[in-house]
Amino acid sequence: MDNKIKVKVSAEPGVQLPAYATESSAGMDVRAFIPEEIVLQPGERTLIPTGLRVEIPQGYEIQMRPRSGLALKKGISLLNSPGTIDADYRGEIGVILINHSSEAFTVCPGERICQMVLARVPQIEWVETSSLENSERGEGGFGHTGTK
């Protein structure tokens, strides 16, 4: 089954295009496009350029997500996770990395820093009403379902 969506990409010279690590990967690995190493101190955040600009088809978005290995082993994540790249954005994609660990982390040129996932995003059309149907949960808010 071919479930591929064509997305136009413009990359700076020398940028390695995002790629799937395996045939069944949901996300493509994205690399840092930096001229030299950047040291991220504990608690620090910084914008890392990717050297990528994309033309996402209408009705889709690209989500930027943390890499699980970096999160578990190094405490590195994306500050706004998932980060959304809208279909009408044409600027360079940047990734806001944050260091949640107690040790400095060095981002190296070309290092895999996050994953990108193409996702369908239907838009909402509001239907105003004076009442909503009842549900099992009702108005139960945060923590309402317990810790079972």
N, C-alpha and C. Protein backbone atom coordinates (compact mmCIF):
# COMPACT_ATOMS: atom_id res chain seq x y z
N MET A 1 0.85 -1.19 0.00
CA MET A 1 0.00 0.00 0.00
C MET A 1 0.89 1.24 0.00
N ASP A 2 0.65 2.14 -0.92
CA ASP A 2 1.42 3.37 -1.00
C ASP A 2 0.64 4.49 -0.31
N ASN A 3 1.09 4.88 0.86
CA ASN A 3 0.41 5.93 1.62
C ASN A 3 1.30 7.15 1.75
N LYS A 4 2.06 7.46 0.72
CA LYS A 4 2.99 8.58 0.76
C LYS A 4 2.32 9.85 0.24
N ILE A 5 2.62 10.97 0.90
CA ILE A 5 2.15 12.29 0.52
C ILE A 5 3.37 13.08 0.04
N LYS A 6 3.27 13.68 -1.13
CA LYS A 6 4.39 14.47 -1.65
C LYS A 6 4.41 15.84 -0.94
N VAL A 7 5.60 16.18 -0.42
CA VAL A 7 5.80 17.47 0.25
C VAL A 7 7.05 18.10 -0.35
N LYS A 8 6.89 19.32 -0.86
CA LYS A 8 8.04 20.03 -1.43
C LYS A 8 8.94 20.51 -0.29
N VAL A 9 10.26 20.38 -0.50
CA VAL A 9 11.24 20.80 0.49
C VAL A 9 12.35 21.58 -0.18
N SER A 10 12.79 22.63 0.48
CA SER A 10 13.94 23.40 0.05
C SER A 10 14.95 23.33 1.19
N ALA A 11 16.13 22.81 0.90
CA ALA A 11 17.14 22.61 1.94
C ALA A 11 18.39 23.43 1.63
N GLU A 12 18.99 23.94 2.69
CA GLU A 12 20.27 24.64 2.55
C GLU A 12 21.32 23.64 2.05
N PRO A 13 22.32 24.11 1.31
CA PRO A 13 23.38 23.21 0.84
C PRO A 13 24.01 22.47 2.03
N GLY A 14 24.16 21.17 1.88
CA GLY A 14 24.79 20.36 2.93
C GLY A 14 23.81 19.76 3.93
N VAL A 15 22.55 20.16 3.86
CA VAL A 15 21.56 19.60 4.80
C VAL A 15 21.17 18.20 4.36
N GLN A 16 21.19 17.29 5.31
CA GLN A 16 20.71 15.93 5.06
C GLN A 16 19.20 15.94 5.28
N LEU A 17 18.43 15.57 4.26
CA LEU A 17 16.97 15.60 4.39
C LEU A 17 16.51 14.64 5.47
N PRO A 18 15.42 14.99 6.18
CA PRO A 18 14.86 14.08 7.17
C PRO A 18 14.56 12.73 6.52
N ALA A 19 14.74 11.67 7.32
CA ALA A 19 14.54 10.32 6.79
C ALA A 19 13.98 9.41 7.86
N TYR A 20 13.23 8.40 7.42
CA TYR A 20 12.70 7.39 8.33
C TYR A 20 13.82 6.41 8.66
N ALA A 21 13.96 6.06 9.94
CA ALA A 21 15.00 5.11 10.36
C ALA A 21 14.66 3.68 9.93
N THR A 22 13.37 3.36 9.93
CA THR A 22 12.93 2.03 9.50
C THR A 22 11.71 2.19 8.61
N GLU A 23 11.32 1.12 7.95
CA GLU A 23 10.17 1.15 7.05
C GLU A 23 8.87 1.49 7.78
N SER A 24 8.77 1.13 9.06
CA SER A 24 7.54 1.37 9.82
C SER A 24 7.60 2.58 10.74
N SER A 25 8.66 3.36 10.65
CA SER A 25 8.78 4.55 11.51
C SER A 25 7.67 5.54 11.22
N ALA A 26 7.11 6.13 12.27
CA ALA A 26 6.09 7.17 12.11
C ALA A 26 6.74 8.53 11.85
N GLY A 27 7.88 8.76 12.49
CA GLY A 27 8.55 10.05 12.37
C GLY A 27 9.86 9.95 11.60
N MET A 28 10.22 11.05 10.98
CA MET A 28 11.49 11.16 10.26
C MET A 28 12.48 11.89 11.16
N ASP A 29 13.70 11.41 11.23
CA ASP A 29 14.73 12.08 12.02
C ASP A 29 15.14 13.38 11.35
N VAL A 30 15.20 14.46 12.16
CA VAL A 30 15.60 15.78 11.70
C VAL A 30 16.93 16.12 12.36
N ARG A 31 17.82 16.73 11.60
CA ARG A 31 19.18 17.02 12.08
C ARG A 31 19.41 18.51 12.30
N ALA A 32 20.32 18.79 13.21
CA ALA A 32 20.72 20.17 13.51
C ALA A 32 21.54 20.72 12.35
N PHE A 33 21.18 21.90 11.88
CA PHE A 33 21.94 22.58 10.82
C PHE A 33 22.67 23.75 11.48
N ILE A 34 23.80 23.44 12.09
CA ILE A 34 24.58 24.43 12.82
C ILE A 34 26.03 24.33 12.37
N PRO A 35 26.74 25.47 12.34
CA PRO A 35 28.13 25.44 11.86
C PRO A 35 29.11 24.86 12.89
N GLU A 36 28.75 24.93 14.16
CA GLU A 36 29.62 24.41 15.21
C GLU A 36 28.77 23.93 16.38
N GLU A 37 29.39 23.23 17.30
CA GLU A 37 28.68 22.69 18.46
C GLU A 37 28.02 23.79 19.28
N ILE A 38 26.87 23.45 19.87
CA ILE A 38 26.18 24.35 20.80
C ILE A 38 26.04 23.59 22.11
N VAL A 39 26.51 24.20 23.20
CA VAL A 39 26.39 23.58 24.52
C VAL A 39 25.12 24.11 25.18
N LEU A 40 24.26 23.18 25.56
CA LEU A 40 22.99 23.50 26.21
C LEU A 40 23.14 23.17 27.69
N GLN A 41 23.17 24.19 28.53
CA GLN A 41 23.34 24.01 29.97
C GLN A 41 22.04 23.47 30.60
N PRO A 42 22.13 22.89 31.80
CA PRO A 42 20.92 22.41 32.49
C PRO A 42 19.87 23.52 32.60
N GLY A 43 18.64 23.19 32.24
CA GLY A 43 17.54 24.15 32.29
C GLY A 43 17.51 25.14 31.14
N GLU A 44 18.51 25.15 30.30
CA GLU A 44 18.60 26.11 29.19
C GLU A 44 17.82 25.59 27.97
N ARG A 45 17.34 26.54 27.19
CA ARG A 45 16.65 26.22 25.94
C ARG A 45 17.27 27.08 24.84
N THR A 46 17.21 26.56 23.63
CA THR A 46 17.74 27.32 22.50
C THR A 46 17.05 26.88 21.21
N LEU A 47 17.03 27.77 20.24
CA LEU A 47 16.45 27.48 18.94
C LEU A 47 17.53 26.91 18.04
N ILE A 48 17.30 25.71 17.54
CA ILE A 48 18.26 25.05 16.66
C ILE A 48 17.71 25.07 15.23
N PRO A 49 18.44 25.66 14.30
CA PRO A 49 17.98 25.66 12.90
C PRO A 49 18.12 24.28 12.26
N THR A 50 17.26 24.02 11.27
CA THR A 50 17.31 22.74 10.55
C THR A 50 17.77 22.91 9.11
N GLY A 51 17.75 24.14 8.59
CA GLY A 51 18.11 24.36 7.19
C GLY A 51 17.03 23.92 6.22
N LEU A 52 15.82 23.65 6.75
CA LEU A 52 14.71 23.14 5.94
C LEU A 52 13.57 24.15 5.83
N ARG A 53 13.02 24.25 4.64
CA ARG A 53 11.78 24.99 4.39
C ARG A 53 10.87 24.02 3.62
N VAL A 54 9.60 24.01 3.96
CA VAL A 54 8.71 23.03 3.34
C VAL A 54 7.43 23.69 2.84
N GLU A 55 6.78 23.02 1.91
CA GLU A 55 5.47 23.43 1.41
C GLU A 55 4.51 22.28 1.70
N ILE A 56 3.85 22.39 2.84
CA ILE A 56 2.96 21.33 3.32
C ILE A 56 1.62 21.44 2.61
N PRO A 57 1.07 20.33 2.14
CA PRO A 57 -0.24 20.39 1.48
C PRO A 57 -1.32 20.91 2.43
N GLN A 58 -2.26 21.65 1.87
CA GLN A 58 -3.40 22.16 2.64
C GLN A 58 -4.11 20.99 3.32
N GLY A 59 -4.51 21.19 4.58
CA GLY A 59 -5.18 20.13 5.33
C GLY A 59 -4.24 19.25 6.13
N TYR A 60 -2.94 19.58 6.10
CA TYR A 60 -1.93 18.83 6.85
C TYR A 60 -1.10 19.80 7.69
N GLU A 61 -0.38 19.25 8.64
CA GLU A 61 0.63 19.96 9.41
C GLU A 61 1.82 19.03 9.56
N ILE A 62 2.95 19.60 9.93
CA ILE A 62 4.08 18.78 10.36
C ILE A 62 4.21 19.01 11.85
N GLN A 63 4.31 17.92 12.60
CA GLN A 63 4.53 17.99 14.04
C GLN A 63 6.00 17.67 14.31
N MET A 64 6.63 18.49 15.12
CA MET A 64 8.00 18.25 15.55
C MET A 64 7.93 17.66 16.95
N ARG A 65 8.54 16.49 17.13
CA ARG A 65 8.44 15.74 18.38
C ARG A 65 9.82 15.38 18.91
N PRO A 66 9.93 15.20 20.23
CA PRO A 66 11.22 14.79 20.80
C PRO A 66 11.63 13.40 20.32
N ARG A 67 12.91 13.14 20.36
CA ARG A 67 13.42 11.79 20.12
C ARG A 67 13.45 11.09 21.47
N SER A 68 12.88 9.91 21.55
CA SER A 68 12.76 9.22 22.83
C SER A 68 14.12 8.89 23.44
N GLY A 69 15.09 8.53 22.63
CA GLY A 69 16.41 8.22 23.14
C GLY A 69 17.08 9.41 23.79
N LEU A 70 17.00 10.60 23.16
CA LEU A 70 17.57 11.81 23.75
C LEU A 70 16.85 12.18 25.03
N ALA A 71 15.54 11.99 25.06
CA ALA A 71 14.77 12.33 26.25
C ALA A 71 15.16 11.43 27.42
N LEU A 72 15.21 10.12 27.18
CA LEU A 72 15.52 9.17 28.25
C LEU A 72 16.97 9.25 28.70
N LYS A 73 17.89 9.23 27.75
CA LYS A 73 19.31 9.14 28.09
C LYS A 73 19.94 10.48 28.48
N LYS A 74 19.45 11.58 27.89
CA LYS A 74 20.11 12.87 28.09
C LYS A 74 19.20 13.96 28.67
N GLY A 75 17.89 13.70 28.79
CA GLY A 75 16.97 14.71 29.31
C GLY A 75 16.69 15.83 28.34
N ILE A 76 16.89 15.58 27.05
CA ILE A 76 16.70 16.61 26.03
C ILE A 76 15.33 16.43 25.39
N SER A 77 14.58 17.53 25.31
CA SER A 77 13.24 17.47 24.74
C SER A 77 12.96 18.73 23.94
N LEU A 78 11.78 18.81 23.38
CA LEU A 78 11.33 20.02 22.70
C LEU A 78 10.45 20.80 23.66
N LEU A 79 10.69 22.09 23.76
CA LEU A 79 9.96 22.90 24.71
C LEU A 79 8.47 22.95 24.38
N ASN A 80 8.14 23.10 23.12
CA ASN A 80 6.73 23.13 22.70
C ASN A 80 6.44 21.85 21.94
N SER A 81 6.16 20.82 22.68
CA SER A 81 6.01 19.51 22.06
C SER A 81 4.56 19.05 22.07
N PRO A 82 3.99 18.69 20.93
CA PRO A 82 4.66 18.78 19.63
C PRO A 82 4.61 20.21 19.08
N GLY A 83 5.65 20.59 18.40
CA GLY A 83 5.65 21.87 17.70
C GLY A 83 4.93 21.70 16.38
N THR A 84 4.12 22.66 16.02
CA THR A 84 3.34 22.58 14.79
C THR A 84 3.92 23.48 13.71
N ILE A 85 4.10 22.91 12.53
CA ILE A 85 4.46 23.68 11.33
C ILE A 85 3.19 23.73 10.48
N ASP A 86 2.64 24.92 10.32
CA ASP A 86 1.39 25.09 9.57
C ASP A 86 1.64 25.00 8.06
N ALA A 87 0.59 24.65 7.34
CA ALA A 87 0.69 24.47 5.89
C ALA A 87 1.08 25.74 5.15
N ASP A 88 0.79 26.90 5.72
CA ASP A 88 1.11 28.15 5.02
C ASP A 88 2.44 28.77 5.46
N TYR A 89 3.21 28.11 6.34
CA TYR A 89 4.51 28.63 6.78
C TYR A 89 5.57 28.26 5.76
N ARG A 90 6.40 29.23 5.36
CA ARG A 90 7.44 28.97 4.37
C ARG A 90 8.84 29.29 4.87
N GLY A 91 8.98 29.70 6.13
CA GLY A 91 10.30 30.02 6.66
C GLY A 91 11.06 28.78 7.06
N GLU A 92 12.29 28.99 7.52
CA GLU A 92 13.10 27.87 7.97
C GLU A 92 12.50 27.27 9.23
N ILE A 93 12.47 25.96 9.28
CA ILE A 93 11.98 25.26 10.46
C ILE A 93 13.06 25.31 11.53
N GLY A 94 12.67 25.75 12.71
CA GLY A 94 13.56 25.77 13.87
C GLY A 94 12.99 24.87 14.95
N VAL A 95 13.85 24.34 15.79
CA VAL A 95 13.45 23.42 16.84
C VAL A 95 13.92 23.99 18.18
N ILE A 96 12.99 24.14 19.13
CA ILE A 96 13.35 24.66 20.45
C ILE A 96 13.71 23.49 21.36
N LEU A 97 15.01 23.27 21.54
CA LEU A 97 15.46 22.21 22.43
C LEU A 97 15.58 22.75 23.85
N ILE A 98 15.29 21.89 24.83
CA ILE A 98 15.47 22.24 26.24
C ILE A 98 16.19 21.10 26.93
N ASN A 99 17.08 21.47 27.84
CA ASN A 99 17.85 20.49 28.60
C ASN A 99 17.23 20.35 29.98
N HIS A 100 16.51 19.24 30.21
CA HIS A 100 15.87 18.98 31.50
C HIS A 100 16.80 18.25 32.46
N SER A 101 18.02 17.95 32.05
CA SER A 101 18.93 17.18 32.90
C SER A 101 19.73 18.11 33.81
N SER A 102 20.60 17.51 34.60
CA SER A 102 21.47 18.28 35.49
C SER A 102 22.88 18.41 34.92
N GLU A 103 23.07 17.97 33.67
CA GLU A 103 24.37 18.04 33.01
C GLU A 103 24.26 18.78 31.69
N ALA A 104 25.34 19.44 31.31
CA ALA A 104 25.38 20.12 30.01
C ALA A 104 25.25 19.10 28.88
N PHE A 105 24.65 19.51 27.78
CA PHE A 105 24.49 18.66 26.62
C PHE A 105 25.02 19.40 25.41
N THR A 106 25.82 18.72 24.61
CA THR A 106 26.39 19.34 23.42
C THR A 106 25.64 18.88 22.18
N VAL A 107 25.09 19.85 21.44
CA VAL A 107 24.44 19.57 20.16
C VAL A 107 25.50 19.71 19.08
N CYS A 108 25.70 18.66 18.33
CA CYS A 108 26.73 18.65 17.28
C CYS A 108 26.11 18.91 15.91
N PRO A 109 26.86 19.53 15.00
CA PRO A 109 26.35 19.72 13.64
C PRO A 109 25.92 18.38 13.04
N GLY A 110 24.74 18.37 12.44
CA GLY A 110 24.23 17.16 11.78
C GLY A 110 23.63 16.14 12.71
N GLU A 111 23.60 16.42 14.02
CA GLU A 111 23.04 15.47 14.98
C GLU A 111 21.52 15.38 14.85
N ARG A 112 20.99 14.17 15.02
CA ARG A 112 19.54 13.98 15.00
C ARG A 112 18.98 14.57 16.29
N ILE A 113 18.11 15.58 16.16
CA ILE A 113 17.63 16.31 17.34
C ILE A 113 16.15 16.11 17.63
N CYS A 114 15.38 15.69 16.64
CA CYS A 114 13.95 15.49 16.86
C CYS A 114 13.39 14.66 15.72
N GLN A 115 12.08 14.45 15.77
CA GLN A 115 11.39 13.75 14.69
C GLN A 115 10.30 14.65 14.13
N MET A 116 10.01 14.46 12.85
CA MET A 116 8.89 15.18 12.24
C MET A 116 7.87 14.17 11.75
N VAL A 117 6.60 14.50 11.98
CA VAL A 117 5.49 13.64 11.58
C VAL A 117 4.50 14.48 10.78
N LEU A 118 4.12 14.00 9.61
CA LEU A 118 3.08 14.65 8.82
C LEU A 118 1.73 14.17 9.33
N ALA A 119 0.84 15.09 9.65
CA ALA A 119 -0.47 14.71 10.21
C ALA A 119 -1.59 15.47 9.51
N ARG A 120 -2.68 14.76 9.28
CA ARG A 120 -3.89 15.37 8.71
C ARG A 120 -4.56 16.19 9.80
N VAL A 121 -5.02 17.39 9.46
CA VAL A 121 -5.68 18.25 10.45
C VAL A 121 -6.96 18.85 9.88
N PRO A 122 -8.07 18.17 10.13
CA PRO A 122 -9.35 18.78 9.71
C PRO A 122 -9.60 20.02 10.54
N GLN A 123 -10.24 21.00 9.95
CA GLN A 123 -10.57 22.22 10.68
C GLN A 123 -11.96 22.12 11.27
N ILE A 124 -12.13 22.83 12.38
CA ILE A 124 -13.41 22.82 13.10
C ILE A 124 -14.38 23.80 12.45
N GLU A 125 -15.61 23.39 12.33
CA GLU A 125 -16.70 24.29 11.97
C GLU A 125 -17.64 24.27 13.18
N TRP A 126 -17.71 25.37 13.91
CA TRP A 126 -18.51 25.44 15.13
C TRP A 126 -19.99 25.35 14.83
N VAL A 127 -20.70 24.62 15.66
CA VAL A 127 -22.16 24.54 15.62
C VAL A 127 -22.63 24.99 17.00
N GLU A 128 -23.09 26.23 17.07
CA GLU A 128 -23.50 26.77 18.37
C GLU A 128 -24.79 26.11 18.85
N THR A 129 -24.82 25.86 20.17
CA THR A 129 -25.98 25.21 20.77
C THR A 129 -26.11 25.70 22.21
N SER A 130 -27.28 25.54 22.77
CA SER A 130 -27.48 25.93 24.17
C SER A 130 -27.31 24.75 25.11
N SER A 131 -27.19 23.53 24.57
CA SER A 131 -27.00 22.37 25.44
C SER A 131 -26.16 21.31 24.72
N LEU A 132 -25.47 20.50 25.52
CA LEU A 132 -24.67 19.41 25.00
C LEU A 132 -25.23 18.09 25.51
N GLU A 133 -25.02 17.01 24.77
CA GLU A 133 -25.48 15.70 25.20
C GLU A 133 -24.72 15.28 26.46
N ASN A 134 -25.38 14.54 27.35
CA ASN A 134 -24.74 14.02 28.55
C ASN A 134 -23.73 12.96 28.17
N SER A 135 -22.71 12.78 29.04
CA SER A 135 -21.72 11.73 28.85
C SER A 135 -21.46 11.09 30.20
N GLU A 136 -20.80 9.96 30.19
CA GLU A 136 -20.49 9.27 31.45
C GLU A 136 -19.63 10.14 32.36
N ARG A 137 -18.71 10.87 31.81
CA ARG A 137 -17.82 11.73 32.61
C ARG A 137 -18.49 13.02 33.04
N GLY A 138 -19.35 13.56 32.20
CA GLY A 138 -20.00 14.83 32.54
C GLY A 138 -19.01 15.97 32.66
N GLU A 139 -19.08 16.71 33.76
CA GLU A 139 -18.21 17.87 33.96
C GLU A 139 -17.00 17.55 34.82
N GLY A 140 -16.72 16.26 35.03
CA GLY A 140 -15.54 15.88 35.83
C GLY A 140 -14.28 16.36 35.18
N GLY A 141 -13.47 17.11 35.91
CA GLY A 141 -12.26 17.71 35.35
C GLY A 141 -11.00 16.97 35.69
N PHE A 142 -9.93 17.70 35.92
CA PHE A 142 -8.60 17.15 36.16
C PHE A 142 -8.64 16.15 37.31
N GLY A 143 -8.11 14.94 37.08
CA GLY A 143 -8.02 13.92 38.10
C GLY A 143 -9.34 13.23 38.40
N HIS A 144 -10.35 13.54 37.67
CA HIS A 144 -11.70 13.00 37.93
C HIS A 144 -11.77 11.49 37.81
N THR A 145 -10.97 10.92 36.92
CA THR A 145 -11.08 9.47 36.69
C THR A 145 -10.22 8.65 37.67
N GLY A 146 -9.54 9.31 38.59
CA GLY A 146 -8.77 8.60 39.62
C GLY A 146 -7.43 8.12 39.14
N THR A 147 -6.83 7.21 39.96
CA THR A 147 -5.48 6.73 39.64
C THR A 147 -5.43 5.24 39.42
N LYS A 148 -6.55 4.62 39.09
CA LYS A 148 -6.60 3.16 38.89
C LYS A 148 -5.68 2.70 37.81
